Amino acid sequence: MKIALLGYGRMGRAIEKIAEQGGHTVILRIDVENREQITSGRLQEADVAIDFSVPAVAVDNYRWCFANRVPVVSGTTGWLERWEEVVACCREQNGGFFYASNFSLGVNLFFRLNRELARMMQHFPGYRAGIEEIHHIHKLDAPSGTAITLSEGILSEHSGYNTWQLLESGGKPGDETLPVKAVREGEVPGTHIVSYRSPVDEIRISHEAFSREGFAYGALLAAEFMKGKTGVYGMEDLLKAGDEQ
């Protein structure tokens, strides 16, 4: 499989290493310094593009891939306010788009566990839910896309919450608002904690990434899944495909 990497930072390099170990070829590496190299001719040589860029250019990257009939796998977060625009463009261009806030298999199992716990905890209003995410200091968006997915999972299953809010210093959420705390420190790959606290005890579930390799491996699996496909997909589709094999 021929891969175009749109974004060549830590994740891009991790994906390249695992892709080449798996017999794939990276034919294009695009970063801030060489964006002029995203030409139709070069992009169309790729079977799939993988985007781990930055929010400011991500949507333009997707549009360029759709226009050139190259399926794109997106792991960039911080652009989701334009989700409907991207999905509409993908369908208009008959493109292929795969988005996940987190490509780790463990995190996606954690998403399922989070929804199940929220479904149970809605019957016990004495427990107040909260989310904390910790990432390296280079991460630009807050909260993380993973924390947003966790928040939306709780909102979908717990009748006691109707919105989530990023906690600023000194801020206090309302009774029906789920608080989300974002911490940036060191080189932490990613830690997410969901807690339910009462006056007498606390229940916690958490996921801690030890390296970026799990994310890179998941992104490569998504790329293999998307080769030759059109339409909009996510990790649930990838997991279902694995279940059916």
C-alpha atoms as a PDB file:
ATOM      1  CA  MET A   1       0.000   0.000   0.000  1.00  0.00           C
ATOM      2  CA  LYS A   2       1.258   3.480  -0.886  1.00  0.00           C
ATOM      3  CA  ILE A   3       0.688   6.054   1.866  1.00  0.00           C
ATOM      4  CA  ALA A   4       0.729   9.853   1.927  1.00  0.00           C
ATOM      5  CA  LEU A   5       1.469  11.274   5.386  1.00  0.00           C
ATOM      6  CA  LEU A   6      -0.148  14.658   5.926  1.00  0.00           C
ATOM      7  CA  GLY A   7       1.576  15.858   9.069  1.00  0.00           C
ATOM      8  CA  TYR A   8       5.063  14.564   9.818  1.00  0.00           C
ATOM      9  CA  GLY A   9       5.488  15.139  13.519  1.00  0.00           C
ATOM     10  CA  ARG A  10       5.756  12.547  16.267  1.00  0.00           C
ATOM     11  CA  MET A  11       2.718  10.585  15.100  1.00  0.00           C
ATOM     12  CA  GLY A  12       3.625  10.795  11.432  1.00  0.00           C
ATOM     13  CA  ARG A  13       7.060   9.352  12.123  1.00  0.00           C
ATOM     14  CA  ALA A  14       5.639   6.613  14.343  1.00  0.00           C
ATOM     15  CA  ILE A  15       3.173   5.634  11.592  1.00  0.00           C
ATOM     16  CA  GLU A  16       5.948   5.642   8.987  1.00  0.00           C
ATOM     17  CA  LYS A  17       8.072   3.249  11.074  1.00  0.00           C
ATOM     18  CA  ILE A  18       5.245   0.746  11.602  1.00  0.00           C
ATOM     19  CA  ALA A  19       4.033   1.067   7.990  1.00  0.00           C
ATOM     20  CA  GLU A  20       7.465   0.264   6.555  1.00  0.00           C
ATOM     21  CA  GLN A  21       7.858  -2.674   8.950  1.00  0.00           C
ATOM     22  CA  GLY A  22       4.564  -3.970   7.545  1.00  0.00           C
ATOM     23  CA  GLY A  23       5.732  -3.756   3.928  1.00  0.00           C
ATOM     24  CA  HIS A  24       3.951  -0.507   3.019  1.00  0.00           C
ATOM     25  CA  THR A  25       5.587   2.472   1.300  1.00  0.00           C
ATOM     26  CA  VAL A  26       5.346   6.101   2.387  1.00  0.00           C
ATOM     27  CA  ILE A  27       5.493   8.095  -0.851  1.00  0.00           C
ATOM     28  CA  LEU A  28       4.688  11.572   0.474  1.00  0.00           C
ATOM     29  CA  ARG A  29       5.557  13.338   3.715  1.00  0.00           C
ATOM     30  CA  ILE A  30       3.920  16.744   4.117  1.00  0.00           C
ATOM     31  CA  ASP A  31       4.536  19.139   6.988  1.00  0.00           C
ATOM     32  CA  VAL A  32       4.438  22.887   7.568  1.00  0.00           C
ATOM     33  CA  GLU A  33       7.686  23.458   5.683  1.00  0.00           C
ATOM     34  CA  ASN A  34       6.712  21.719   2.418  1.00  0.00           C
ATOM     35  CA  ARG A  35       2.947  22.074   1.960  1.00  0.00           C
ATOM     36  CA  GLU A  36       3.511  23.188  -1.627  1.00  0.00           C
ATOM     37  CA  GLN A  37       4.370  19.552  -2.418  1.00  0.00           C
ATOM     38  CA  ILE A  38       0.716  18.482  -2.037  1.00  0.00           C
ATOM     39  CA  THR A  39       0.047  18.393  -5.761  1.00  0.00           C
ATOM     40  CA  SER A  40      -2.666  16.355  -7.453  1.00  0.00           C
ATOM     41  CA  GLY A  41      -0.122  14.274  -9.315  1.00  0.00           C
ATOM     42  CA  ARG A  42       1.815  13.270  -6.234  1.00  0.00           C
ATOM     43  CA  LEU A  43      -1.262  12.716  -4.046  1.00  0.00           C
ATOM     44  CA  GLN A  44      -3.014  10.558  -6.632  1.00  0.00           C
ATOM     45  CA  GLU A  45      -0.119   8.096  -6.505  1.00  0.00           C
ATOM     46  CA  ALA A  46      -1.194   7.185  -2.948  1.00  0.00           C
ATOM     47  CA  ASP A  47      -3.693   4.462  -2.058  1.00  0.00           C
ATOM     48  CA  VAL A  48      -4.604   6.311   1.126  1.00  0.00           C
ATOM     49  CA  ALA A  49      -3.619   9.446   3.050  1.00  0.00           C
ATOM     50  CA  ILE A  50      -3.155   9.610   6.827  1.00  0.00           C
ATOM     51  CA  ASP A  51      -3.600  13.032   8.414  1.00  0.00           C
ATOM     52  CA  PHE A  52      -2.046  13.910  11.771  1.00  0.00           C
ATOM     53  CA  SER A  53      -1.531  17.583  11.031  1.00  0.00           C
ATOM     54  CA  VAL A  54      -2.933  20.609  12.907  1.00  0.00           C
ATOM     55  CA  PRO A  55      -6.506  21.956  13.091  1.00  0.00           C
ATOM     56  CA  ALA A  56      -5.694  25.020  10.962  1.00  0.00           C
ATOM     57  CA  VAL A  57      -4.929  22.954   7.836  1.00  0.00           C
ATOM     58  CA  ALA A  58      -6.725  19.658   8.475  1.00  0.00           C
ATOM     59  CA  VAL A  59      -9.995  20.488   6.687  1.00  0.00           C
ATOM     60  CA  ASP A  60      -8.110  21.774   3.627  1.00  0.00           C
ATOM     61  CA  ASN A  61      -6.177  18.483   3.583  1.00  0.00           C
ATOM     62  CA  TYR A  62      -9.411  16.476   3.638  1.00  0.00           C
ATOM     63  CA  ARG A  63     -10.932  18.529   0.820  1.00  0.00           C
ATOM     64  CA  TRP A  64      -7.795  18.021  -1.264  1.00  0.00           C
ATOM     65  CA  CYS A  65      -7.953  14.262  -0.717  1.00  0.00           C
ATOM     66  CA  PHE A  66     -11.666  14.082  -1.600  1.00  0.00           C
ATOM     67  CA  ALA A  67     -11.078  16.077  -4.792  1.00  0.00           C
ATOM     68  CA  ASN A  68      -8.297  13.693  -5.811  1.00  0.00           C
ATOM     69  CA  ARG A  69     -10.238  10.507  -4.939  1.00  0.00           C
ATOM     70  CA  VAL A  70      -7.760   9.463  -2.249  1.00  0.00           C
ATOM     71  CA  PRO A  71      -9.324   8.018   0.938  1.00  0.00           C
ATOM     72  CA  VAL A  72      -8.099   9.869   4.023  1.00  0.00           C
ATOM     73  CA  VAL A  73      -7.697   8.690   7.612  1.00  0.00           C
ATOM     74  CA  SER A  74      -7.862  11.547  10.120  1.00  0.00           C
ATOM     75  CA  GLY A  75      -6.418  11.549  13.623  1.00  0.00           C
ATOM     76  CA  THR A  76      -6.244  15.331  13.896  1.00  0.00           C
ATOM     77  CA  THR A  77      -8.468  16.862  16.566  1.00  0.00           C
ATOM     78  CA  GLY A  78      -9.573  20.423  17.252  1.00  0.00           C
ATOM     79  CA  TRP A  79     -11.534  20.945  13.998  1.00  0.00           C
ATOM     80  CA  LEU A  80     -14.807  19.156  14.843  1.00  0.00           C
ATOM     81  CA  GLU A  81     -16.934  22.296  14.694  1.00  0.00           C
ATOM     82  CA  ARG A  82     -16.609  21.793  10.913  1.00  0.00           C
ATOM     83  CA  TRP A  83     -17.627  18.118  11.005  1.00  0.00           C
ATOM     84  CA  GLU A  84     -20.849  18.559   9.000  1.00  0.00           C
ATOM     85  CA  GLU A  85     -18.986  20.567   6.366  1.00  0.00           C
ATOM     86  CA  VAL A  86     -16.351  17.829   5.967  1.00  0.00           C
ATOM     87  CA  VAL A  87     -18.923  15.016   5.793  1.00  0.00           C
ATOM     88  CA  ALA A  88     -20.974  16.923   3.205  1.00  0.00           C
ATOM     89  CA  CYS A  89     -17.866  17.562   1.088  1.00  0.00           C
ATOM     90  CA  CYS A  90     -16.846  13.894   1.311  1.00  0.00           C
ATOM     91  CA  ARG A  91     -20.245  12.746   0.063  1.00  0.00           C
ATOM     92  CA  GLU A  92     -20.440  15.369  -2.680  1.00  0.00           C
ATOM     93  CA  GLN A  93     -17.026  14.299  -3.998  1.00  0.00           C
ATOM     94  CA  ASN A  94     -17.724  10.573  -3.448  1.00  0.00           C
ATOM     95  CA  GLY A  95     -14.647  10.505  -1.238  1.00  0.00           C
ATOM     96  CA  GLY A  96     -13.540   8.245   1.570  1.00  0.00           C
ATOM     97  CA  PHE A  97     -13.103   9.545   5.133  1.00  0.00           C
ATOM     98  CA  PHE A  98     -12.205   7.772   8.374  1.00  0.00           C
ATOM     99  CA  TYR A  99     -12.100   9.775  11.605  1.00  0.00           C
ATOM    100  CA  ALA A 100     -11.247   8.684  15.134  1.00  0.00           C
ATOM    101  CA  SER A 101     -10.489  10.841  18.143  1.00  0.00           C
ATOM    102  CA  ASN A 102      -8.176   8.018  19.243  1.00  0.00           C
ATOM    103  CA  PHE A 103      -6.911   5.017  17.256  1.00  0.00           C
ATOM    104  CA  SER A 104      -5.803   2.925  20.222  1.00  0.00           C
ATOM    105  CA  LEU A 105      -7.656  -0.386  20.532  1.00  0.00           C
ATOM    106  CA  GLY A 106      -7.478  -0.046  24.319  1.00  0.00           C
ATOM    107  CA  VAL A 107      -9.016   3.421  24.229  1.00  0.00           C
ATOM    108  CA  ASN A 108     -11.888   2.250  22.041  1.00  0.00           C
ATOM    109  CA  LEU A 109     -12.610  -0.552  24.496  1.00  0.00           C
ATOM    110  CA  PHE A 110     -12.429   2.140  27.180  1.00  0.00           C
ATOM    111  CA  PHE A 111     -15.075   4.136  25.267  1.00  0.00           C
ATOM    112  CA  ARG A 112     -17.428   1.156  25.462  1.00  0.00           C
ATOM    113  CA  LEU A 113     -16.728   0.687  29.181  1.00  0.00           C
ATOM    114  CA  ASN A 114     -17.343   4.401  29.772  1.00  0.00           C
ATOM    115  CA  ARG A 115     -20.784   4.262  28.148  1.00  0.00           C
ATOM    116  CA  GLU A 116     -21.747   1.150  30.111  1.00  0.00           C
ATOM    117  CA  LEU A 117     -20.651   2.706  33.411  1.00  0.00           C
ATOM    118  CA  ALA A 118     -22.591   5.907  32.632  1.00  0.00           C
ATOM    119  CA  ARG A 119     -25.678   3.819  31.937  1.00  0.00           C
ATOM    120  CA  MET A 120     -25.334   2.221  35.389  1.00  0.00           C
ATOM    121  CA  MET A 121     -24.465   5.409  37.275  1.00  0.00           C
ATOM    122  CA  GLN A 122     -27.452   7.447  36.081  1.00  0.00           C
ATOM    123  CA  HIS A 123     -29.510   5.576  38.693  1.00  0.00           C
ATOM    124  CA  PHE A 124     -27.293   6.911  41.504  1.00  0.00           C
ATOM    125  CA  PRO A 125     -27.494  10.744  41.488  1.00  0.00           C
ATOM    126  CA  GLY A 126     -25.358  10.993  44.630  1.00  0.00           C
ATOM    127  CA  TYR A 127     -22.294  10.402  42.437  1.00  0.00           C
ATOM    128  CA  ARG A 128     -20.991  13.320  40.377  1.00  0.00           C
ATOM    129  CA  ALA A 129     -19.108  12.523  37.188  1.00  0.00           C
ATOM    130  CA  GLY A 130     -15.934  14.187  35.974  1.00  0.00           C
ATOM    131  CA  ILE A 131     -13.257  13.685  33.310  1.00  0.00           C
ATOM    132  CA  GLU A 132      -9.549  14.512  33.457  1.00  0.00           C
ATOM    133  CA  GLU A 133      -7.108  14.183  30.567  1.00  0.00           C
ATOM    134  CA  ILE A 134      -3.322  14.587  30.717  1.00  0.00           C
ATOM    135  CA  HIS A 135      -1.151  15.091  27.630  1.00  0.00           C
ATOM    136  CA  HIS A 136       2.286  16.320  26.626  1.00  0.00           C
ATOM    137  CA  ILE A 137       2.967  20.048  26.445  1.00  0.00           C
ATOM    138  CA  HIS A 138       3.084  19.996  22.621  1.00  0.00           C
ATOM    139  CA  LYS A 139      -0.612  19.147  22.243  1.00  0.00           C
ATOM    140  CA  LEU A 140      -2.376  22.211  20.863  1.00  0.00           C
ATOM    141  CA  ASP A 141      -6.064  21.501  21.495  1.00  0.00           C
ATOM    142  CA  ALA A 142      -7.856  21.158  24.833  1.00  0.00           C
ATOM    143  CA  PRO A 143      -9.712  19.134  25.790  1.00  0.00           C
ATOM    144  CA  SER A 144      -8.434  16.214  23.745  1.00  0.00           C
ATOM    145  CA  GLY A 145     -10.611  14.588  21.137  1.00  0.00           C
ATOM    146  CA  THR A 146     -10.606  11.469  23.320  1.00  0.00           C
ATOM    147  CA  ALA A 147     -11.951  13.451  26.287  1.00  0.00           C
ATOM    148  CA  ILE A 148     -14.685  14.884  24.060  1.00  0.00           C
ATOM    149  CA  THR A 149     -15.655  11.387  22.926  1.00  0.00           C
ATOM    150  CA  LEU A 150     -15.755  10.236  26.558  1.00  0.00           C
ATOM    151  CA  SER A 151     -17.912  13.250  27.427  1.00  0.00           C
ATOM    152  CA  GLU A 152     -20.329  12.570  24.606  1.00  0.00           C
ATOM    153  CA  GLY A 153     -20.499   8.929  25.676  1.00  0.00           C
ATOM    154  CA  ILE A 154     -21.597   9.963  29.169  1.00  0.00           C
ATOM    155  CA  LEU A 155     -24.119  12.486  27.820  1.00  0.00           C
ATOM    156  CA  SER A 156     -25.650   9.818  25.587  1.00  0.00           C
ATOM    157  CA  GLU A 157     -26.172   7.348  28.439  1.00  0.00           C
ATOM    158  CA  HIS A 158     -26.553   9.434  31.631  1.00  0.00           C
ATOM    159  CA  SER A 159     -29.782  11.418  31.954  1.00  0.00           C
ATOM    160  CA  GLY A 160     -28.278  13.673  34.625  1.00  0.00           C
ATOM    161  CA  TYR A 161     -26.030  15.574  32.181  1.00  0.00           C
ATOM    162  CA  ASN A 162     -26.961  17.595  29.102  1.00  0.00           C
ATOM    163  CA  THR A 163     -23.638  19.282  28.247  1.00  0.00           C
ATOM    164  CA  TRP A 164     -19.930  19.223  29.100  1.00  0.00           C
ATOM    165  CA  GLN A 165     -17.627  22.114  29.980  1.00  0.00           C
ATOM    166  CA  LEU A 166     -13.856  22.566  29.982  1.00  0.00           C
ATOM    167  CA  LEU A 167     -12.888  23.644  33.474  1.00  0.00           C
ATOM    168  CA  GLU A 168     -10.973  26.908  33.563  1.00  0.00           C
ATOM    169  CA  SER A 169      -9.171  27.984  36.752  1.00  0.00           C
ATOM    170  CA  GLY A 170     -11.754  28.879  39.358  1.00  0.00           C
ATOM    171  CA  GLY A 171     -14.685  27.777  37.201  1.00  0.00           C
ATOM    172  CA  LYS A 172     -17.571  25.719  38.553  1.00  0.00           C
ATOM    173  CA  PRO A 173     -19.984  23.814  36.297  1.00  0.00           C
ATOM    174  CA  GLY A 174     -23.742  23.679  36.779  1.00  0.00           C
ATOM    175  CA  ASP A 175     -25.553  20.613  38.119  1.00  0.00           C
ATOM    176  CA  GLU A 176     -26.298  19.181  34.653  1.00  0.00           C
ATOM    177  CA  THR A 177     -22.867  20.051  33.230  1.00  0.00           C
ATOM    178  CA  LEU A 178     -20.102  17.441  33.030  1.00  0.00           C
ATOM    179  CA  PRO A 179     -16.738  19.000  34.027  1.00  0.00           C
ATOM    180  CA  VAL A 180     -13.673  18.218  31.905  1.00  0.00           C
ATOM    181  CA  LYS A 181     -10.157  19.077  33.092  1.00  0.00           C
ATOM    182  CA  ALA A 182      -7.209  19.278  30.675  1.00  0.00           C
ATOM    183  CA  VAL A 183      -3.618  19.069  31.965  1.00  0.00           C
ATOM    184  CA  ARG A 184      -0.504  19.605  29.834  1.00  0.00           C
ATOM    185  CA  GLU A 185       2.777  18.387  31.281  1.00  0.00           C
ATOM    186  CA  GLY A 186       6.037  16.805  30.166  1.00  0.00           C
ATOM    187  CA  GLU A 187       5.935  14.227  27.380  1.00  0.00           C
ATOM    188  CA  VAL A 188       2.857  12.273  28.542  1.00  0.00           C
ATOM    189  CA  PRO A 189       1.446  10.309  25.543  1.00  0.00           C
ATOM    190  CA  GLY A 190      -2.084  10.399  26.940  1.00  0.00           C
ATOM    191  CA  THR A 191      -3.947   9.571  30.155  1.00  0.00           C
ATOM    192  CA  HIS A 192      -7.739   9.756  30.563  1.00  0.00           C
ATOM    193  CA  ILE A 193      -9.626   9.348  33.823  1.00  0.00           C
ATOM    194  CA  VAL A 194     -13.404   9.124  34.277  1.00  0.00           C
ATOM    195  CA  SER A 195     -14.548   9.456  37.883  1.00  0.00           C
ATOM    196  CA  TYR A 196     -17.810   9.317  39.825  1.00  0.00           C
ATOM    197  CA  ARG A 197     -17.470  10.924  43.255  1.00  0.00           C
ATOM    198  CA  SER A 198     -19.864  10.908  46.194  1.00  0.00           C
ATOM    199  CA  PRO A 199     -19.444  12.329  49.715  1.00  0.00           C
ATOM    200  CA  VAL A 200     -18.214   8.920  50.908  1.00  0.00           C
ATOM    201  CA  ASP A 201     -16.253   7.348  48.040  1.00  0.00           C
ATOM    202  CA  GLU A 202     -15.126   7.542  44.419  1.00  0.00           C
ATOM    203  CA  ILE A 203     -15.267   5.189  41.440  1.00  0.00           C
ATOM    204  CA  ARG A 204     -12.607   5.619  38.741  1.00  0.00           C
ATOM    205  CA  ILE A 205     -11.833   4.048  35.386  1.00  0.00           C
ATOM    206  CA  SER A 206      -8.754   5.141  33.465  1.00  0.00           C
ATOM    207  CA  HIS A 207      -6.651   4.506  30.402  1.00  0.00           C
ATOM    208  CA  GLU A 208      -2.948   5.328  30.215  1.00  0.00           C
ATOM    209  CA  ALA A 209      -0.953   5.128  26.993  1.00  0.00           C
ATOM    210  CA  PHE A 210       2.685   4.110  27.411  1.00  0.00           C
ATOM    211  CA  SER A 211       3.799   5.183  23.917  1.00  0.00           C
ATOM    212  CA  ARG A 212       2.476   6.413  20.572  1.00  0.00           C
ATOM    213  CA  GLU A 213       2.888   3.005  18.928  1.00  0.00           C
ATOM    214  CA  GLY A 214      -0.638   1.890  19.833  1.00  0.00           C
ATOM    215  CA  PHE A 215      -2.111   4.973  18.138  1.00  0.00           C
ATOM    216  CA  ALA A 216       0.129   4.515  15.090  1.00  0.00           C
ATOM    217  CA  TYR A 217      -0.790   0.844  14.726  1.00  0.00           C
ATOM    218  CA  GLY A 218      -4.508   1.663  14.889  1.00  0.00           C
ATOM    219  CA  ALA A 219      -4.141   4.418  12.300  1.00  0.00           C
ATOM    220  CA  LEU A 220      -2.381   1.991   9.955  1.00  0.00           C
ATOM    221  CA  LEU A 221      -5.165  -0.580  10.421  1.00  0.00           C
ATOM    222  CA  ALA A 222      -7.659   2.154   9.514  1.00  0.00           C
ATOM    223  CA  ALA A 223      -5.636   2.983   6.405  1.00  0.00           C
ATOM    224  CA  GLU A 224      -5.660  -0.661   5.321  1.00  0.00           C
ATOM    225  CA  PHE A 225      -9.415  -0.748   5.961  1.00  0.00           C
ATOM    226  CA  MET A 226      -9.992   2.406   3.854  1.00  0.00           C
ATOM    227  CA  LYS A 227      -8.047   1.364   0.743  1.00  0.00           C
ATOM    228  CA  GLY A 228     -10.470   1.581  -2.183  1.00  0.00           C
ATOM    229  CA  LYS A 229     -13.430   2.674  -0.032  1.00  0.00           C
ATOM    230  CA  THR A 230     -15.786   5.646  -0.257  1.00  0.00           C
ATOM    231  CA  GLY A 231     -18.049   6.927   2.508  1.00  0.00           C
ATOM    232  CA  VAL A 232     -17.604   8.016   6.122  1.00  0.00           C
ATOM    233  CA  TYR A 233     -16.294   5.561   8.720  1.00  0.00           C
ATOM    234  CA  GLY A 234     -14.989   5.356  12.270  1.00  0.00           C
ATOM    235  CA  MET A 235     -13.471   2.933  14.753  1.00  0.00           C
ATOM    236  CA  GLU A 236     -16.762   1.130  15.336  1.00  0.00           C
ATOM    237  CA  ASP A 237     -16.761   0.156  11.638  1.00  0.00           C
ATOM    238  CA  LEU A 238     -13.182  -1.083  11.893  1.00  0.00           C
ATOM    239  CA  LEU A 239     -13.924  -3.105  15.029  1.00  0.00           C
ATOM    240  CA  LYS A 240     -17.033  -4.630  13.432  1.00  0.00           C
ATOM    241  CA  ALA A 241     -15.011  -5.619  10.382  1.00  0.00           C
ATOM    242  CA  GLY A 242     -12.561  -7.372  12.695  1.00  0.00           C
ATOM    243  CA  ASP A 243     -15.419  -9.181  14.471  1.00  0.00           C
ATOM    244  CA  GLU A 244     -16.726 -10.474  11.159  1.00  0.00           C
ATOM    245  CA  GLN A 245     -13.435 -11.954  10.007  1.00  0.00           C
END
